N, C-alpha and C. Protein backbone atom coordinates (compact mmCIF):
# COMPACT_ATOMS: atom_id res chain seq x y z
N UNK A 1 4.90 -9.22 -12.64
CA UNK A 1 6.04 -9.78 -11.95
C UNK A 1 6.26 -8.99 -10.64
N UNK A 2 6.41 -9.72 -9.56
CA UNK A 2 6.69 -9.08 -8.28
C UNK A 2 8.16 -8.66 -8.27
N UNK A 3 8.39 -7.41 -7.96
CA UNK A 3 9.76 -6.88 -7.94
C UNK A 3 10.23 -6.71 -6.50
N UNK A 4 11.55 -6.59 -6.36
CA UNK A 4 12.17 -6.39 -5.05
C UNK A 4 11.92 -4.95 -4.60
N UNK A 5 11.44 -4.80 -3.37
CA UNK A 5 11.23 -3.48 -2.79
C UNK A 5 12.51 -3.05 -2.07
N UNK A 6 12.99 -1.87 -2.41
CA UNK A 6 14.19 -1.33 -1.76
C UNK A 6 13.86 -0.95 -0.32
N UNK A 7 14.81 -1.17 0.57
CA UNK A 7 14.61 -0.85 1.98
C UNK A 7 15.56 0.24 2.44
N UNK A 8 15.07 1.04 3.39
CA UNK A 8 15.90 2.02 4.07
C UNK A 8 17.13 1.30 4.61
N UNK A 9 18.33 1.82 4.50
CA UNK A 9 18.74 3.15 4.05
C UNK A 9 19.24 3.21 2.60
N UNK A 10 18.72 2.38 1.71
CA UNK A 10 19.17 2.37 0.31
C UNK A 10 19.15 3.80 -0.26
N UNK A 11 20.28 4.28 -0.78
CA UNK A 11 20.35 5.65 -1.30
C UNK A 11 19.44 5.90 -2.50
N UNK A 12 19.02 4.86 -3.20
CA UNK A 12 18.11 5.02 -4.33
C UNK A 12 16.78 5.63 -3.88
N UNK A 13 16.41 5.38 -2.63
CA UNK A 13 15.14 5.90 -2.11
C UNK A 13 15.16 7.42 -1.92
N UNK A 14 16.35 8.00 -1.92
CA UNK A 14 16.48 9.45 -1.70
C UNK A 14 16.53 10.24 -3.02
N UNK A 15 16.53 9.54 -4.15
CA UNK A 15 16.62 10.22 -5.44
C UNK A 15 15.25 10.73 -5.89
N UNK A 16 15.28 11.90 -6.53
CA UNK A 16 14.05 12.51 -7.06
C UNK A 16 13.72 11.84 -8.40
N UNK A 17 12.44 11.56 -8.61
CA UNK A 17 11.99 10.90 -9.83
C UNK A 17 11.69 11.90 -10.94
N UNK A 18 11.79 11.41 -12.17
CA UNK A 18 11.57 12.23 -13.35
C UNK A 18 10.14 12.06 -13.86
N UNK A 19 9.56 13.11 -14.44
CA UNK A 19 8.21 13.00 -15.01
C UNK A 19 8.19 11.97 -16.15
N UNK A 20 7.06 11.32 -16.29
CA UNK A 20 6.86 10.38 -17.40
C UNK A 20 6.47 11.22 -18.61
N UNK A 21 7.18 11.03 -19.72
CA UNK A 21 6.91 11.82 -20.92
C UNK A 21 6.12 11.04 -21.96
N UNK A 22 6.22 9.69 -21.91
CA UNK A 22 5.51 8.85 -22.86
C UNK A 22 4.89 7.68 -22.08
N UNK A 23 3.61 7.45 -22.30
CA UNK A 23 2.95 6.29 -21.70
C UNK A 23 2.80 5.25 -22.80
N UNK A 24 3.54 4.16 -22.63
CA UNK A 24 3.54 3.10 -23.64
C UNK A 24 3.42 1.73 -22.97
N UNK A 25 3.65 0.67 -23.71
CA UNK A 25 3.52 -0.68 -23.15
C UNK A 25 4.52 -0.91 -22.02
N UNK A 26 5.71 -0.31 -22.12
CA UNK A 26 6.70 -0.45 -21.05
C UNK A 26 6.18 0.19 -19.76
N UNK A 27 5.50 1.32 -19.89
CA UNK A 27 4.89 1.99 -18.73
C UNK A 27 3.80 1.10 -18.14
N UNK A 28 2.96 0.53 -19.00
CA UNK A 28 1.87 -0.33 -18.52
C UNK A 28 2.42 -1.57 -17.81
N UNK A 29 3.50 -2.13 -18.34
CA UNK A 29 4.13 -3.29 -17.71
C UNK A 29 4.69 -2.92 -16.33
N UNK A 30 5.31 -1.76 -16.24
CA UNK A 30 5.83 -1.27 -14.96
C UNK A 30 4.69 -1.14 -13.95
N UNK A 31 3.57 -0.55 -14.37
CA UNK A 31 2.42 -0.37 -13.48
C UNK A 31 1.87 -1.73 -13.04
N UNK A 32 1.78 -2.69 -13.96
CA UNK A 32 1.33 -4.04 -13.58
C UNK A 32 2.25 -4.65 -12.53
N UNK A 33 3.56 -4.52 -12.76
CA UNK A 33 4.53 -5.04 -11.80
C UNK A 33 4.41 -4.34 -10.45
N UNK A 34 4.21 -3.03 -10.47
CA UNK A 34 4.07 -2.28 -9.22
C UNK A 34 2.84 -2.75 -8.45
N UNK A 35 1.72 -2.93 -9.16
CA UNK A 35 0.49 -3.38 -8.50
C UNK A 35 0.70 -4.77 -7.91
N UNK A 36 1.27 -5.69 -8.68
CA UNK A 36 1.53 -7.04 -8.18
C UNK A 36 2.42 -7.01 -6.95
N UNK A 37 3.45 -6.18 -6.99
CA UNK A 37 4.39 -6.06 -5.88
C UNK A 37 3.69 -5.50 -4.64
N UNK A 38 2.87 -4.46 -4.84
CA UNK A 38 2.14 -3.85 -3.72
C UNK A 38 1.19 -4.86 -3.08
N UNK A 39 0.41 -5.56 -3.91
CA UNK A 39 -0.55 -6.52 -3.36
C UNK A 39 0.15 -7.69 -2.67
N UNK A 40 1.28 -8.13 -3.21
CA UNK A 40 2.01 -9.27 -2.63
C UNK A 40 2.66 -8.91 -1.30
N UNK A 41 2.98 -7.62 -1.11
CA UNK A 41 3.77 -7.21 0.07
C UNK A 41 3.14 -7.56 1.43
N UNK A 42 1.91 -7.33 1.77
CA UNK A 42 0.90 -6.48 1.13
C UNK A 42 1.00 -5.04 1.64
N UNK A 43 0.59 -4.11 0.78
CA UNK A 43 0.59 -2.70 1.15
C UNK A 43 -0.58 -1.99 0.52
N UNK A 44 -0.75 -0.71 0.84
CA UNK A 44 -1.83 0.09 0.26
C UNK A 44 -1.32 1.06 -0.81
N UNK A 45 -0.01 1.13 -0.98
CA UNK A 45 0.55 2.02 -1.98
C UNK A 45 1.98 1.66 -2.29
N UNK A 46 2.42 2.03 -3.49
CA UNK A 46 3.80 1.80 -3.89
C UNK A 46 4.17 2.86 -4.92
N UNK A 47 5.34 3.44 -4.76
CA UNK A 47 5.86 4.41 -5.72
C UNK A 47 7.00 3.75 -6.50
N UNK A 48 7.14 4.12 -7.76
CA UNK A 48 8.15 3.51 -8.62
C UNK A 48 9.56 3.53 -8.01
N UNK A 49 9.98 4.60 -7.33
CA UNK A 49 11.33 4.59 -6.75
C UNK A 49 11.56 3.46 -5.73
N UNK A 50 10.47 2.97 -5.14
CA UNK A 50 10.62 1.90 -4.16
C UNK A 50 11.08 0.59 -4.80
N UNK A 51 10.95 0.49 -6.13
CA UNK A 51 11.48 -0.68 -6.83
C UNK A 51 12.63 -0.26 -7.75
N UNK A 52 13.20 0.91 -7.46
CA UNK A 52 14.40 1.35 -8.16
C UNK A 52 14.16 2.01 -9.51
N UNK A 53 12.92 2.41 -9.80
CA UNK A 53 12.60 3.08 -11.06
C UNK A 53 12.26 4.53 -10.73
N UNK A 54 13.03 5.46 -11.25
CA UNK A 54 12.87 6.86 -10.87
C UNK A 54 11.99 7.62 -11.86
N UNK A 55 10.73 7.14 -11.93
CA UNK A 55 9.69 7.79 -12.71
C UNK A 55 8.55 8.17 -11.76
N UNK A 56 7.82 9.22 -12.12
CA UNK A 56 6.77 9.74 -11.24
C UNK A 56 5.48 8.94 -11.45
N UNK A 57 5.47 7.74 -10.87
CA UNK A 57 4.32 6.83 -10.97
C UNK A 57 4.05 6.25 -9.58
N UNK A 58 2.76 6.26 -9.18
CA UNK A 58 2.37 5.60 -7.94
C UNK A 58 1.14 4.74 -8.21
N UNK A 59 1.02 3.67 -7.42
CA UNK A 59 -0.20 2.87 -7.41
C UNK A 59 -0.70 2.83 -5.97
N UNK A 60 -2.01 2.88 -5.82
CA UNK A 60 -2.62 2.92 -4.49
C UNK A 60 -3.90 2.08 -4.53
N UNK A 61 -4.15 1.35 -3.45
CA UNK A 61 -5.42 0.67 -3.28
C UNK A 61 -5.71 0.60 -1.78
N UNK A 62 -6.66 1.40 -1.33
CA UNK A 62 -7.00 1.45 0.09
C UNK A 62 -8.29 0.69 0.38
N UNK A 63 -8.75 -0.13 -0.57
CA UNK A 63 -9.98 -0.90 -0.33
C UNK A 63 -9.75 -1.90 0.80
N UNK A 64 -10.80 -2.19 1.52
CA UNK A 64 -10.71 -3.12 2.64
C UNK A 64 -10.60 -4.56 2.17
N UNK A 65 -10.28 -5.45 3.10
CA UNK A 65 -10.11 -6.87 2.77
C UNK A 65 -11.36 -7.50 2.19
N UNK A 66 -12.54 -7.03 2.62
CA UNK A 66 -13.79 -7.61 2.16
C UNK A 66 -14.38 -6.86 0.97
N UNK A 67 -13.59 -5.95 0.39
CA UNK A 67 -14.05 -5.16 -0.75
C UNK A 67 -13.26 -5.54 -2.00
N UNK A 68 -13.85 -5.35 -3.17
CA UNK A 68 -13.08 -5.63 -4.40
C UNK A 68 -11.93 -4.63 -4.53
N UNK A 69 -10.82 -5.04 -5.15
CA UNK A 69 -9.69 -4.12 -5.34
C UNK A 69 -10.12 -2.88 -6.13
N UNK A 70 -9.56 -1.74 -5.76
CA UNK A 70 -9.84 -0.47 -6.44
C UNK A 70 -8.50 0.21 -6.71
N UNK A 71 -7.78 -0.29 -7.68
CA UNK A 71 -6.43 0.21 -7.97
C UNK A 71 -6.49 1.61 -8.58
N UNK A 72 -5.72 2.51 -7.99
CA UNK A 72 -5.56 3.86 -8.52
C UNK A 72 -4.14 3.96 -9.07
N UNK A 73 -4.04 4.37 -10.33
CA UNK A 73 -2.74 4.60 -10.97
C UNK A 73 -2.62 6.10 -11.16
N UNK A 74 -1.54 6.68 -10.66
CA UNK A 74 -1.32 8.12 -10.81
C UNK A 74 0.05 8.35 -11.43
N UNK A 75 0.04 8.88 -12.63
CA UNK A 75 1.27 9.18 -13.36
C UNK A 75 1.47 10.69 -13.31
N UNK A 76 2.65 11.12 -12.91
CA UNK A 76 2.98 12.54 -12.74
C UNK A 76 1.99 13.25 -11.80
N UNK A 77 1.71 12.66 -10.65
CA UNK A 77 0.73 13.28 -9.74
C UNK A 77 1.26 14.57 -9.12
N UNK A 78 0.35 15.54 -8.97
CA UNK A 78 0.67 16.80 -8.29
C UNK A 78 -0.52 17.20 -7.42
N UNK A 79 -0.24 17.84 -6.33
CA UNK A 79 -1.30 18.37 -5.47
C UNK A 79 -1.77 19.69 -6.05
N UNK A 80 -3.08 19.84 -6.22
CA UNK A 80 -3.61 21.13 -6.68
C UNK A 80 -4.37 21.83 -5.56
N UNK A 81 -4.64 21.09 -4.47
CA UNK A 81 -5.28 21.71 -3.31
C UNK A 81 -5.03 20.81 -2.10
N UNK A 82 -4.77 21.42 -0.97
CA UNK A 82 -4.63 20.69 0.29
C UNK A 82 -5.39 21.45 1.36
N UNK A 83 -5.86 20.71 2.37
CA UNK A 83 -6.67 21.34 3.41
C UNK A 83 -6.55 20.55 4.71
N UNK A 84 -6.61 21.27 5.81
CA UNK A 84 -6.69 20.63 7.11
C UNK A 84 -5.41 19.92 7.52
N UNK A 85 -5.52 19.22 8.64
CA UNK A 85 -4.36 18.53 9.19
C UNK A 85 -4.81 17.23 9.85
N UNK A 86 -4.01 16.21 9.66
CA UNK A 86 -4.25 14.94 10.36
C UNK A 86 -2.92 14.47 10.95
N UNK A 87 -3.00 13.59 11.89
CA UNK A 87 -1.80 13.07 12.56
C UNK A 87 -2.07 11.60 12.82
N UNK A 88 -1.65 10.76 11.88
CA UNK A 88 -1.96 9.33 11.93
C UNK A 88 -0.69 8.49 11.84
N UNK A 89 -0.82 7.26 12.30
CA UNK A 89 0.30 6.33 12.23
C UNK A 89 0.48 5.84 10.80
N UNK A 90 1.74 5.82 10.36
CA UNK A 90 2.08 5.34 9.03
C UNK A 90 3.18 4.30 9.13
N UNK A 91 3.17 3.42 8.17
CA UNK A 91 4.26 2.48 7.96
C UNK A 91 4.66 2.59 6.51
N UNK A 92 5.64 1.80 6.10
CA UNK A 92 6.13 1.88 4.73
C UNK A 92 6.74 0.56 4.34
N UNK A 93 6.47 0.13 3.10
CA UNK A 93 7.06 -1.12 2.61
C UNK A 93 8.59 -1.02 2.52
N UNK A 94 9.11 0.18 2.41
CA UNK A 94 10.56 0.38 2.35
C UNK A 94 11.19 0.56 3.73
N UNK A 95 10.36 0.61 4.76
CA UNK A 95 10.85 0.73 6.13
C UNK A 95 10.10 -0.33 6.96
N UNK A 96 10.34 -1.61 6.65
CA UNK A 96 9.56 -2.66 7.31
C UNK A 96 9.78 -2.70 8.83
N UNK A 97 8.72 -3.05 9.53
CA UNK A 97 8.83 -3.23 10.97
C UNK A 97 8.79 -1.96 11.79
N UNK A 98 8.52 -0.82 11.16
CA UNK A 98 8.51 0.44 11.91
C UNK A 98 7.31 1.28 11.49
N UNK A 99 6.67 1.90 12.45
CA UNK A 99 5.55 2.81 12.19
C UNK A 99 5.67 4.01 13.12
N UNK A 100 5.15 5.14 12.68
CA UNK A 100 5.18 6.35 13.50
C UNK A 100 4.07 7.29 13.06
N UNK A 101 3.67 8.16 13.97
CA UNK A 101 2.67 9.18 13.63
C UNK A 101 3.33 10.28 12.80
N UNK A 102 2.62 10.67 11.73
CA UNK A 102 3.13 11.69 10.81
C UNK A 102 2.03 12.72 10.58
N UNK A 103 2.42 13.97 10.56
CA UNK A 103 1.48 15.05 10.29
C UNK A 103 1.31 15.19 8.77
N UNK A 104 0.07 15.15 8.33
CA UNK A 104 -0.28 15.26 6.91
C UNK A 104 -1.48 16.19 6.75
N UNK A 105 -1.82 16.47 5.50
CA UNK A 105 -3.06 17.20 5.21
C UNK A 105 -4.23 16.24 5.36
N UNK A 106 -5.33 16.75 5.85
CA UNK A 106 -6.53 15.93 6.03
C UNK A 106 -7.17 15.59 4.68
N UNK A 107 -7.14 16.56 3.75
CA UNK A 107 -7.73 16.38 2.44
C UNK A 107 -6.78 16.91 1.38
N UNK A 108 -6.70 16.19 0.27
CA UNK A 108 -5.89 16.64 -0.86
C UNK A 108 -6.69 16.46 -2.15
N UNK A 109 -6.38 17.29 -3.13
CA UNK A 109 -6.88 17.08 -4.48
C UNK A 109 -5.63 16.88 -5.34
N UNK A 110 -5.61 15.75 -6.03
CA UNK A 110 -4.45 15.38 -6.84
C UNK A 110 -4.84 15.40 -8.31
N UNK A 111 -3.96 15.96 -9.12
CA UNK A 111 -4.11 15.91 -10.58
C UNK A 111 -3.05 14.95 -11.10
N UNK A 112 -3.45 14.03 -11.98
CA UNK A 112 -2.51 13.04 -12.51
C UNK A 112 -2.99 12.56 -13.87
N UNK A 113 -2.19 11.70 -14.48
CA UNK A 113 -2.57 11.03 -15.72
C UNK A 113 -2.89 9.58 -15.41
N UNK A 114 -3.83 9.00 -16.16
CA UNK A 114 -4.09 7.56 -16.04
C UNK A 114 -3.26 6.83 -17.10
N UNK A 115 -3.45 5.53 -17.20
CA UNK A 115 -2.64 4.74 -18.15
C UNK A 115 -2.95 5.03 -19.62
N UNK A 116 -4.05 5.72 -19.87
CA UNK A 116 -4.38 6.13 -21.24
C UNK A 116 -3.86 7.53 -21.54
N UNK A 117 -3.14 8.12 -20.58
CA UNK A 117 -2.60 9.46 -20.77
C UNK A 117 -3.62 10.55 -20.55
N UNK A 118 -4.78 10.19 -20.00
CA UNK A 118 -5.83 11.17 -19.75
C UNK A 118 -5.65 11.79 -18.36
N UNK A 119 -5.81 13.10 -18.30
CA UNK A 119 -5.69 13.80 -17.03
C UNK A 119 -6.97 13.61 -16.21
N UNK A 120 -6.79 13.43 -14.91
CA UNK A 120 -7.93 13.35 -14.01
C UNK A 120 -7.57 14.02 -12.70
N UNK A 121 -8.60 14.34 -11.92
CA UNK A 121 -8.37 14.85 -10.57
C UNK A 121 -9.08 13.92 -9.60
N UNK A 122 -8.52 13.82 -8.41
CA UNK A 122 -9.07 12.95 -7.38
C UNK A 122 -9.03 13.70 -6.05
N UNK A 123 -10.20 13.83 -5.43
CA UNK A 123 -10.27 14.41 -4.09
C UNK A 123 -10.14 13.25 -3.11
N UNK A 124 -9.21 13.37 -2.18
CA UNK A 124 -8.94 12.27 -1.26
C UNK A 124 -8.96 12.75 0.18
N UNK A 125 -9.59 11.94 1.02
CA UNK A 125 -9.62 12.20 2.46
C UNK A 125 -9.24 10.91 3.17
N UNK A 126 -8.96 11.02 4.47
CA UNK A 126 -8.67 9.82 5.26
C UNK A 126 -7.45 9.07 4.75
N UNK A 127 -7.55 7.74 4.74
CA UNK A 127 -6.42 6.89 4.36
C UNK A 127 -5.95 7.17 2.94
N UNK A 128 -6.87 7.45 2.02
CA UNK A 128 -6.47 7.73 0.64
C UNK A 128 -5.64 9.01 0.57
N UNK A 129 -6.02 10.02 1.33
CA UNK A 129 -5.25 11.26 1.37
C UNK A 129 -3.83 11.00 1.88
N UNK A 130 -3.74 10.23 2.96
CA UNK A 130 -2.43 9.89 3.54
C UNK A 130 -1.60 9.11 2.53
N UNK A 131 -2.24 8.14 1.86
CA UNK A 131 -1.52 7.31 0.89
C UNK A 131 -0.97 8.16 -0.26
N UNK A 132 -1.78 9.07 -0.79
CA UNK A 132 -1.29 9.95 -1.86
C UNK A 132 -0.09 10.76 -1.38
N UNK A 133 -0.19 11.35 -0.20
CA UNK A 133 0.91 12.18 0.30
C UNK A 133 2.17 11.35 0.53
N UNK A 134 1.98 10.17 1.10
CA UNK A 134 3.11 9.26 1.39
C UNK A 134 3.81 8.85 0.09
N UNK A 135 3.02 8.42 -0.90
CA UNK A 135 3.61 7.93 -2.15
C UNK A 135 4.22 9.06 -2.98
N UNK A 136 3.59 10.22 -3.01
CA UNK A 136 4.16 11.34 -3.76
C UNK A 136 5.46 11.80 -3.09
N UNK A 137 5.53 11.71 -1.77
CA UNK A 137 6.80 11.99 -1.08
C UNK A 137 7.92 11.11 -1.65
N UNK A 138 7.62 9.83 -1.86
CA UNK A 138 8.64 8.92 -2.41
C UNK A 138 9.17 9.44 -3.75
N UNK A 139 8.31 10.03 -4.56
CA UNK A 139 8.73 10.54 -5.86
C UNK A 139 9.74 11.68 -5.72
N UNK A 140 9.71 12.33 -4.56
CA UNK A 140 10.64 13.43 -4.29
C UNK A 140 11.81 13.01 -3.41
N UNK A 141 11.95 11.70 -3.18
CA UNK A 141 13.06 11.20 -2.38
C UNK A 141 12.87 11.37 -0.89
N UNK A 142 11.62 11.48 -0.45
CA UNK A 142 11.31 11.69 0.97
C UNK A 142 10.63 10.45 1.54
N UNK A 143 11.11 9.98 2.68
CA UNK A 143 10.47 8.87 3.38
C UNK A 143 9.66 9.43 4.54
N UNK A 144 8.69 8.65 5.00
CA UNK A 144 7.84 9.14 6.10
C UNK A 144 8.66 9.45 7.34
N UNK A 145 9.77 8.75 7.55
CA UNK A 145 10.60 9.02 8.73
C UNK A 145 11.30 10.38 8.62
N UNK A 146 11.38 10.93 7.41
CA UNK A 146 11.96 12.26 7.25
C UNK A 146 11.06 13.34 7.83
N UNK A 147 9.78 13.02 8.06
CA UNK A 147 8.84 13.97 8.65
C UNK A 147 8.89 13.98 10.17
N UNK A 148 9.63 13.05 10.76
CA UNK A 148 9.71 12.97 12.22
C UNK A 148 10.62 14.08 12.75
N UNK A 149 10.42 14.43 14.01
CA UNK A 149 11.30 15.41 14.64
C UNK A 149 12.72 14.84 14.67
N UNK A 150 13.69 15.69 14.85
CA UNK A 150 15.09 15.25 14.89
C UNK A 150 15.29 14.18 15.95
N UNK A 151 14.72 14.38 17.13
CA UNK A 151 14.86 13.41 18.21
C UNK A 151 14.23 12.07 17.82
N UNK A 152 13.01 12.10 17.32
CA UNK A 152 12.33 10.84 16.94
C UNK A 152 13.05 10.15 15.78
N UNK A 153 13.59 10.94 14.85
CA UNK A 153 14.32 10.34 13.71
C UNK A 153 15.58 9.65 14.22
N UNK A 154 16.29 10.24 15.17
CA UNK A 154 17.48 9.60 15.73
C UNK A 154 17.11 8.33 16.49
N UNK A 155 15.99 8.37 17.22
CA UNK A 155 15.52 7.17 17.92
C UNK A 155 15.17 6.07 16.91
N UNK A 156 14.52 6.47 15.80
CA UNK A 156 14.18 5.52 14.74
C UNK A 156 15.44 4.87 14.19
N UNK A 157 16.46 5.67 13.88
CA UNK A 157 17.69 5.14 13.27
C UNK A 157 18.34 4.11 14.20
N UNK A 158 18.40 4.39 15.50
CA UNK A 158 18.98 3.45 16.45
C UNK A 158 18.17 2.16 16.51
N UNK A 159 16.86 2.32 16.63
CA UNK A 159 15.98 1.14 16.71
C UNK A 159 16.08 0.32 15.42
N UNK A 160 16.07 0.98 14.29
CA UNK A 160 16.11 0.28 13.00
C UNK A 160 17.44 -0.46 12.83
N UNK A 161 18.52 0.18 13.23
CA UNK A 161 19.84 -0.46 13.15
C UNK A 161 19.85 -1.74 14.00
N UNK A 162 19.28 -1.66 15.21
CA UNK A 162 19.18 -2.85 16.08
C UNK A 162 18.34 -3.94 15.43
N UNK A 163 17.24 -3.55 14.79
CA UNK A 163 16.36 -4.52 14.13
C UNK A 163 17.10 -5.21 12.97
N UNK A 164 17.90 -4.45 12.23
CA UNK A 164 18.69 -5.03 11.15
C UNK A 164 19.75 -5.99 11.68
N UNK A 165 20.47 -5.53 12.70
CA UNK A 165 21.54 -6.35 13.29
C UNK A 165 21.02 -7.64 13.89
N UNK A 166 19.82 -7.61 14.47
CA UNK A 166 19.25 -8.79 15.11
C UNK A 166 18.62 -9.76 14.09
N UNK A 167 18.49 -9.29 12.85
CA UNK A 167 17.85 -10.13 11.83
C UNK A 167 16.33 -10.06 11.88
N UNK A 168 15.80 -9.19 12.74
CA UNK A 168 14.36 -9.01 12.86
C UNK A 168 13.77 -8.54 11.53
N UNK A 169 14.54 -7.72 10.81
CA UNK A 169 14.17 -7.31 9.45
C UNK A 169 15.38 -7.55 8.57
N UNK A 170 15.13 -7.76 7.30
CA UNK A 170 16.21 -8.04 6.34
C UNK A 170 16.35 -6.87 5.39
N UNK A 171 17.60 -6.57 5.03
CA UNK A 171 17.85 -5.48 4.08
C UNK A 171 17.44 -5.87 2.69
């Protein structure tokens, strides 16, 4: 089922998510809904808080349009290693109509659980690295615009408010 994606400045997006303690059919249903919602948006990642569920779950798929889907499910993801620096443009399903350059790690190694409760690690570079960092930020109540300088964040808020008022984007 496609769920409603919360949009900035919804205060639910600022809440920290809780670790998943039991992986059951309810968890699997949530992950299915998250994947459907992400693909329908369309986006390359979605964190549970973006649909109002404060559990540490993310789904990511950075496969290209001409490639088969490669869904990654990460439950209770944590960074165990980070390296380098990148500065790339990001957007967000919860901040529609706006993109900005954000400083991130070039490479990350993430430890997480899959839907069977098995622990795995994933080394990620490029877009996958950015997606992991972006989505895990959501689990901590951080949006990509929170990484902008104070000046750029204020410019974003003014521009976003105008976009909302004009109906260019909907809350």
